[in-house]
């Protein structure tokens, strides 16, 4: 997974070479963001501009590997940071909730907000 700003500078990578193969939650923020990083976030990627994009790539070893790729890709999620906070609170608050993980999640704070909302 590559994170890139409008001038094509790649400012972060999530993948086997940089973050390993374990599931994880990652945060993408703008250059002026001063919020508190929620518990459970493995790394913060700070964009150098207010505009950023994310490209998802999954390695395929051959046609027979396609079911594995589909399984991995079905776990990719992106959501605004406030949604992550509400989801994490709901999971911790429910006596019936089961913890779960997906291959990689990215939580995106509004890049121009500059706050921890």
N, C-alpha and C. Protein backbone atom coordinates (compact mmCIF):
# COMPACT_ATOMS: atom_id res chain seq x y z
N UNK A 1 0.84 -1.15 0.00
CA UNK A 1 0.00 0.00 0.00
C UNK A 1 0.90 1.23 0.00
N UNK A 2 0.72 2.10 -0.95
CA UNK A 2 1.55 3.28 -1.11
C UNK A 2 0.73 4.52 -0.80
N UNK A 3 1.29 5.42 -0.04
CA UNK A 3 0.66 6.71 0.20
C UNK A 3 1.47 7.76 -0.54
N UNK A 4 0.78 8.61 -1.31
CA UNK A 4 1.48 9.55 -2.19
C UNK A 4 0.76 10.89 -2.16
N UNK A 5 1.52 12.00 -2.20
CA UNK A 5 0.91 13.32 -2.27
C UNK A 5 0.90 13.79 -3.71
N UNK A 6 0.25 14.92 -3.97
CA UNK A 6 -0.02 15.36 -5.35
C UNK A 6 1.23 15.56 -6.19
N UNK A 7 2.37 15.83 -5.56
CA UNK A 7 3.59 15.99 -6.36
C UNK A 7 4.33 14.66 -6.54
N UNK A 8 3.64 13.57 -6.29
CA UNK A 8 4.09 12.18 -6.45
C UNK A 8 5.19 11.76 -5.49
N UNK A 9 5.37 12.49 -4.39
CA UNK A 9 6.32 12.07 -3.36
C UNK A 9 5.66 10.98 -2.52
N UNK A 10 6.26 9.80 -2.48
CA UNK A 10 5.74 8.70 -1.65
C UNK A 10 6.23 8.90 -0.22
N UNK A 11 5.31 9.13 0.69
CA UNK A 11 5.70 9.42 2.07
C UNK A 11 5.46 8.25 3.02
N UNK A 12 5.03 7.12 2.54
CA UNK A 12 4.86 5.99 3.44
C UNK A 12 4.45 4.73 2.71
N UNK A 13 4.82 3.63 3.30
CA UNK A 13 4.48 2.31 2.75
C UNK A 13 4.00 1.40 3.87
N UNK A 14 2.99 0.59 3.56
CA UNK A 14 2.55 -0.48 4.45
C UNK A 14 2.69 -1.75 3.63
N UNK A 15 3.44 -2.69 4.13
CA UNK A 15 3.63 -3.93 3.40
C UNK A 15 4.69 -4.79 4.05
N UNK A 16 4.93 -5.95 3.48
CA UNK A 16 5.82 -6.92 4.10
C UNK A 16 7.22 -6.39 4.31
N UNK A 17 7.71 -5.55 3.43
CA UNK A 17 9.08 -5.03 3.57
C UNK A 17 9.21 -3.95 4.63
N UNK A 18 8.13 -3.22 4.91
CA UNK A 18 8.23 -2.09 5.84
C UNK A 18 7.51 -2.32 7.15
N UNK A 19 6.36 -2.97 7.13
CA UNK A 19 5.57 -3.15 8.35
C UNK A 19 5.31 -4.61 8.70
N UNK A 20 5.78 -5.53 7.88
CA UNK A 20 5.62 -6.95 8.17
C UNK A 20 4.33 -7.52 7.61
N UNK A 21 4.00 -8.71 8.07
CA UNK A 21 2.84 -9.43 7.53
C UNK A 21 1.66 -9.49 8.50
N UNK A 22 1.82 -8.97 9.69
CA UNK A 22 0.74 -9.02 10.67
C UNK A 22 -0.30 -7.93 10.39
N UNK A 23 -1.56 -8.17 10.78
CA UNK A 23 -2.59 -7.13 10.63
C UNK A 23 -2.21 -5.89 11.42
N UNK A 24 -2.71 -4.75 11.00
CA UNK A 24 -2.42 -3.54 11.73
C UNK A 24 -3.32 -2.39 11.37
N UNK A 25 -3.38 -1.41 12.26
CA UNK A 25 -4.13 -0.19 12.06
C UNK A 25 -3.14 0.96 11.92
N UNK A 26 -3.33 1.79 10.92
CA UNK A 26 -2.40 2.87 10.60
C UNK A 26 -3.18 4.17 10.43
N UNK A 27 -2.53 5.28 10.72
CA UNK A 27 -3.18 6.59 10.67
C UNK A 27 -2.47 7.47 9.66
N UNK A 28 -3.24 8.11 8.77
CA UNK A 28 -2.71 9.07 7.81
C UNK A 28 -3.23 10.45 8.21
N UNK A 29 -2.31 11.41 8.39
CA UNK A 29 -2.70 12.75 8.81
C UNK A 29 -2.05 13.80 7.92
N UNK A 30 -2.58 15.01 8.00
CA UNK A 30 -2.03 16.13 7.26
C UNK A 30 -0.84 16.73 7.97
N UNK A 31 -0.19 17.70 7.34
CA UNK A 31 1.05 18.27 7.88
C UNK A 31 0.86 19.02 9.19
N UNK A 32 -0.34 19.56 9.44
CA UNK A 32 -0.56 20.36 10.64
C UNK A 32 -1.38 19.66 11.71
N UNK A 33 -1.66 18.38 11.54
CA UNK A 33 -2.50 17.66 12.49
C UNK A 33 -1.79 17.55 13.83
N UNK A 34 -2.52 17.88 14.92
CA UNK A 34 -1.93 17.86 16.25
C UNK A 34 -2.74 17.01 17.22
N UNK A 35 -3.49 16.07 16.70
CA UNK A 35 -4.36 15.26 17.53
C UNK A 35 -3.63 14.18 18.30
N UNK A 36 -4.38 13.49 19.12
CA UNK A 36 -3.86 12.37 19.89
C UNK A 36 -4.04 11.09 19.08
N UNK A 37 -3.00 10.31 19.02
CA UNK A 37 -3.05 9.05 18.29
C UNK A 37 -3.78 8.01 19.15
N UNK A 38 -4.85 7.43 18.63
CA UNK A 38 -5.60 6.44 19.41
C UNK A 38 -4.77 5.19 19.71
N UNK A 39 -5.11 4.55 20.80
CA UNK A 39 -4.46 3.28 21.16
C UNK A 39 -4.68 2.28 20.04
N UNK A 40 -3.69 1.47 19.78
CA UNK A 40 -3.80 0.42 18.78
C UNK A 40 -3.27 0.80 17.41
N UNK A 41 -2.97 2.07 17.18
CA UNK A 41 -2.42 2.50 15.89
C UNK A 41 -0.95 2.12 15.84
N UNK A 42 -0.55 1.35 14.82
CA UNK A 42 0.84 0.90 14.71
C UNK A 42 1.79 1.97 14.23
N UNK A 43 1.33 2.86 13.34
CA UNK A 43 2.20 3.89 12.79
C UNK A 43 1.35 5.04 12.28
N UNK A 44 1.95 6.24 12.29
CA UNK A 44 1.31 7.43 11.76
C UNK A 44 2.10 7.87 10.53
N UNK A 45 1.40 8.11 9.44
CA UNK A 45 2.00 8.59 8.21
C UNK A 45 1.54 10.03 8.00
N UNK A 46 2.47 10.97 8.03
CA UNK A 46 2.15 12.39 7.90
C UNK A 46 2.39 12.85 6.46
N UNK A 47 1.32 13.29 5.82
CA UNK A 47 1.41 13.82 4.47
C UNK A 47 2.06 15.20 4.52
N UNK A 48 2.85 15.51 3.52
CA UNK A 48 3.49 16.82 3.44
C UNK A 48 2.58 17.91 2.91
N UNK A 49 1.40 17.53 2.41
CA UNK A 49 0.44 18.49 1.88
C UNK A 49 -0.95 18.14 2.37
N UNK A 50 -1.92 19.00 2.03
CA UNK A 50 -3.31 18.74 2.42
C UNK A 50 -4.00 17.75 1.49
N UNK A 51 -3.33 17.35 0.43
CA UNK A 51 -3.91 16.41 -0.53
C UNK A 51 -3.07 15.14 -0.53
N UNK A 52 -3.74 13.99 -0.46
CA UNK A 52 -3.02 12.73 -0.39
C UNK A 52 -3.87 11.64 -1.04
N UNK A 53 -3.21 10.62 -1.52
CA UNK A 53 -3.90 9.48 -2.10
C UNK A 53 -3.28 8.19 -1.59
N UNK A 54 -4.04 7.13 -1.65
CA UNK A 54 -3.56 5.81 -1.24
C UNK A 54 -3.83 4.84 -2.37
N UNK A 55 -2.82 4.07 -2.71
CA UNK A 55 -2.96 3.04 -3.73
C UNK A 55 -2.77 1.68 -3.07
N UNK A 56 -3.74 0.82 -3.24
CA UNK A 56 -3.67 -0.54 -2.68
C UNK A 56 -3.10 -1.48 -3.72
N UNK A 57 -2.11 -2.25 -3.32
CA UNK A 57 -1.55 -3.28 -4.21
C UNK A 57 -1.39 -4.56 -3.39
N UNK A 58 -1.69 -5.67 -4.00
CA UNK A 58 -1.54 -6.97 -3.34
C UNK A 58 -0.79 -7.89 -4.28
N UNK A 59 0.27 -8.50 -3.78
CA UNK A 59 1.08 -9.36 -4.63
C UNK A 59 0.34 -10.63 -4.99
N UNK A 60 0.42 -11.00 -6.27
CA UNK A 60 -0.19 -12.21 -6.80
C UNK A 60 0.93 -13.11 -7.32
N UNK A 61 0.99 -14.34 -6.85
CA UNK A 61 2.06 -15.25 -7.25
C UNK A 61 1.69 -16.10 -8.46
N UNK A 62 0.46 -16.02 -8.90
CA UNK A 62 0.00 -16.78 -10.06
C UNK A 62 -1.50 -16.94 -9.97
N UNK A 63 -2.12 -17.47 -11.03
CA UNK A 63 -3.58 -17.61 -11.05
C UNK A 63 -4.13 -18.40 -9.87
N UNK A 64 -3.38 -19.41 -9.42
CA UNK A 64 -3.86 -20.24 -8.31
C UNK A 64 -3.86 -19.48 -6.98
N UNK A 65 -3.20 -18.33 -6.92
CA UNK A 65 -3.11 -17.53 -5.71
C UNK A 65 -4.28 -16.54 -5.58
N UNK A 66 -5.12 -16.44 -6.59
CA UNK A 66 -6.19 -15.45 -6.59
C UNK A 66 -7.11 -15.53 -5.38
N UNK A 67 -7.53 -16.71 -4.90
CA UNK A 67 -8.38 -16.74 -3.70
C UNK A 67 -7.71 -16.08 -2.48
N UNK A 68 -6.40 -16.25 -2.35
CA UNK A 68 -5.70 -15.60 -1.24
C UNK A 68 -5.71 -14.08 -1.39
N UNK A 69 -5.51 -13.61 -2.61
CA UNK A 69 -5.52 -12.17 -2.87
C UNK A 69 -6.89 -11.58 -2.55
N UNK A 70 -7.94 -12.25 -2.98
CA UNK A 70 -9.30 -11.78 -2.70
C UNK A 70 -9.54 -11.72 -1.20
N UNK A 71 -9.09 -12.71 -0.47
CA UNK A 71 -9.26 -12.74 0.99
C UNK A 71 -8.52 -11.57 1.64
N UNK A 72 -7.30 -11.33 1.23
CA UNK A 72 -6.52 -10.22 1.78
C UNK A 72 -7.17 -8.89 1.44
N UNK A 73 -7.55 -8.70 0.18
CA UNK A 73 -8.13 -7.43 -0.23
C UNK A 73 -9.47 -7.15 0.43
N UNK A 74 -10.21 -8.18 0.76
CA UNK A 74 -11.50 -7.95 1.42
C UNK A 74 -11.32 -7.39 2.83
N UNK A 75 -10.12 -7.46 3.36
CA UNK A 75 -9.86 -6.92 4.68
C UNK A 75 -9.39 -5.49 4.70
N UNK A 76 -9.05 -4.92 3.56
CA UNK A 76 -8.60 -3.53 3.51
C UNK A 76 -9.77 -2.60 3.84
N UNK A 77 -9.53 -1.65 4.71
CA UNK A 77 -10.56 -0.67 5.06
C UNK A 77 -9.92 0.70 5.22
N UNK A 78 -10.64 1.72 4.86
CA UNK A 78 -10.25 3.10 5.13
C UNK A 78 -11.46 3.80 5.70
N UNK A 79 -11.23 4.64 6.69
CA UNK A 79 -12.34 5.39 7.30
C UNK A 79 -11.80 6.63 7.99
N UNK A 80 -12.64 7.64 8.16
CA UNK A 80 -12.21 8.83 8.91
C UNK A 80 -11.90 8.46 10.36
N UNK A 81 -11.00 9.17 10.96
CA UNK A 81 -10.58 8.89 12.33
C UNK A 81 -11.73 8.89 13.33
N UNK A 82 -12.69 9.82 13.27
CA UNK A 82 -13.80 9.76 14.23
C UNK A 82 -14.58 8.44 14.17
N UNK A 83 -14.70 7.86 12.98
CA UNK A 83 -15.38 6.57 12.86
C UNK A 83 -14.59 5.50 13.58
N UNK A 84 -13.26 5.51 13.43
CA UNK A 84 -12.41 4.53 14.11
C UNK A 84 -12.60 4.63 15.62
N UNK A 85 -12.61 5.85 16.13
CA UNK A 85 -12.78 6.04 17.58
C UNK A 85 -14.12 5.48 18.05
N UNK A 86 -15.19 5.72 17.29
CA UNK A 86 -16.51 5.19 17.66
C UNK A 86 -16.53 3.67 17.58
N UNK A 87 -15.93 3.11 16.55
CA UNK A 87 -15.88 1.65 16.40
C UNK A 87 -15.10 1.02 17.55
N UNK A 88 -13.94 1.59 17.88
CA UNK A 88 -13.12 1.05 18.97
C UNK A 88 -13.88 1.14 20.29
N UNK A 89 -14.59 2.23 20.55
CA UNK A 89 -15.36 2.38 21.77
C UNK A 89 -16.49 1.36 21.82
N UNK A 90 -17.19 1.17 20.71
CA UNK A 90 -18.30 0.22 20.67
C UNK A 90 -17.82 -1.19 20.94
N UNK A 91 -16.68 -1.55 20.40
CA UNK A 91 -16.14 -2.90 20.62
C UNK A 91 -15.75 -3.09 22.08
N UNK A 92 -15.09 -2.08 22.66
CA UNK A 92 -14.68 -2.19 24.07
C UNK A 92 -15.87 -2.17 25.01
N UNK A 93 -16.96 -1.47 24.64
CA UNK A 93 -18.10 -1.28 25.53
C UNK A 93 -19.08 -2.43 25.53
N UNK A 94 -19.10 -3.22 24.49
CA UNK A 94 -20.09 -4.29 24.38
C UNK A 94 -19.60 -5.57 25.05
N UNK A 95 -20.41 -6.14 25.96
CA UNK A 95 -20.01 -7.40 26.58
C UNK A 95 -20.06 -8.58 25.61
N UNK A 96 -20.73 -8.40 24.48
CA UNK A 96 -20.87 -9.47 23.51
C UNK A 96 -19.94 -9.32 22.32
N UNK A 97 -19.18 -8.24 22.28
CA UNK A 97 -18.32 -7.99 21.13
C UNK A 97 -17.13 -8.94 21.13
N UNK A 98 -16.76 -9.35 19.96
CA UNK A 98 -15.56 -10.16 19.79
C UNK A 98 -14.53 -9.32 19.06
N UNK A 99 -13.31 -9.38 19.53
CA UNK A 99 -12.25 -8.63 18.85
C UNK A 99 -11.97 -9.30 17.50
N UNK A 100 -11.67 -8.50 16.53
CA UNK A 100 -11.38 -9.01 15.20
C UNK A 100 -10.26 -8.17 14.60
N UNK A 101 -9.63 -8.70 13.60
CA UNK A 101 -8.61 -7.92 12.91
C UNK A 101 -8.72 -8.19 11.42
N UNK A 102 -8.25 -7.23 10.66
CA UNK A 102 -8.21 -7.36 9.20
C UNK A 102 -6.78 -7.12 8.78
N UNK A 103 -6.40 -7.48 7.57
CA UNK A 103 -5.00 -7.34 7.18
C UNK A 103 -4.42 -5.95 7.45
N UNK A 104 -5.02 -4.92 6.99
CA UNK A 104 -4.53 -3.57 7.24
C UNK A 104 -5.69 -2.60 7.18
N UNK A 105 -5.74 -1.68 8.11
CA UNK A 105 -6.73 -0.62 8.08
C UNK A 105 -5.99 0.71 8.13
N UNK A 106 -6.52 1.66 7.44
CA UNK A 106 -5.96 3.01 7.47
C UNK A 106 -7.07 3.94 7.94
N UNK A 107 -6.76 4.78 8.88
CA UNK A 107 -7.71 5.75 9.38
C UNK A 107 -7.22 7.12 8.95
N UNK A 108 -8.07 7.83 8.27
CA UNK A 108 -7.67 9.10 7.68
C UNK A 108 -8.33 10.24 8.44
N UNK A 109 -7.51 11.07 9.07
CA UNK A 109 -8.01 12.29 9.67
C UNK A 109 -8.18 13.31 8.54
N UNK A 110 -9.20 14.14 8.64
CA UNK A 110 -9.39 15.16 7.62
C UNK A 110 -8.08 15.94 7.55
N UNK A 111 -7.45 15.98 6.39
CA UNK A 111 -6.12 16.52 6.25
C UNK A 111 -6.03 18.01 6.53
N UNK A 112 -7.14 18.73 6.40
CA UNK A 112 -7.07 20.17 6.65
C UNK A 112 -7.60 20.55 8.01
N UNK A 113 -8.03 19.59 8.83
CA UNK A 113 -8.67 19.91 10.10
C UNK A 113 -7.68 20.46 11.11
N UNK A 114 -6.51 19.86 11.24
CA UNK A 114 -5.53 20.34 12.19
C UNK A 114 -5.94 20.16 13.63
N UNK A 115 -6.94 19.33 13.89
CA UNK A 115 -7.41 19.11 15.25
C UNK A 115 -7.50 17.61 15.51
N UNK A 116 -7.87 17.27 16.72
CA UNK A 116 -7.97 15.85 17.09
C UNK A 116 -9.41 15.37 17.09
N UNK A 117 -10.31 16.04 16.44
CA UNK A 117 -11.72 15.66 16.46
C UNK A 117 -11.93 14.28 15.94
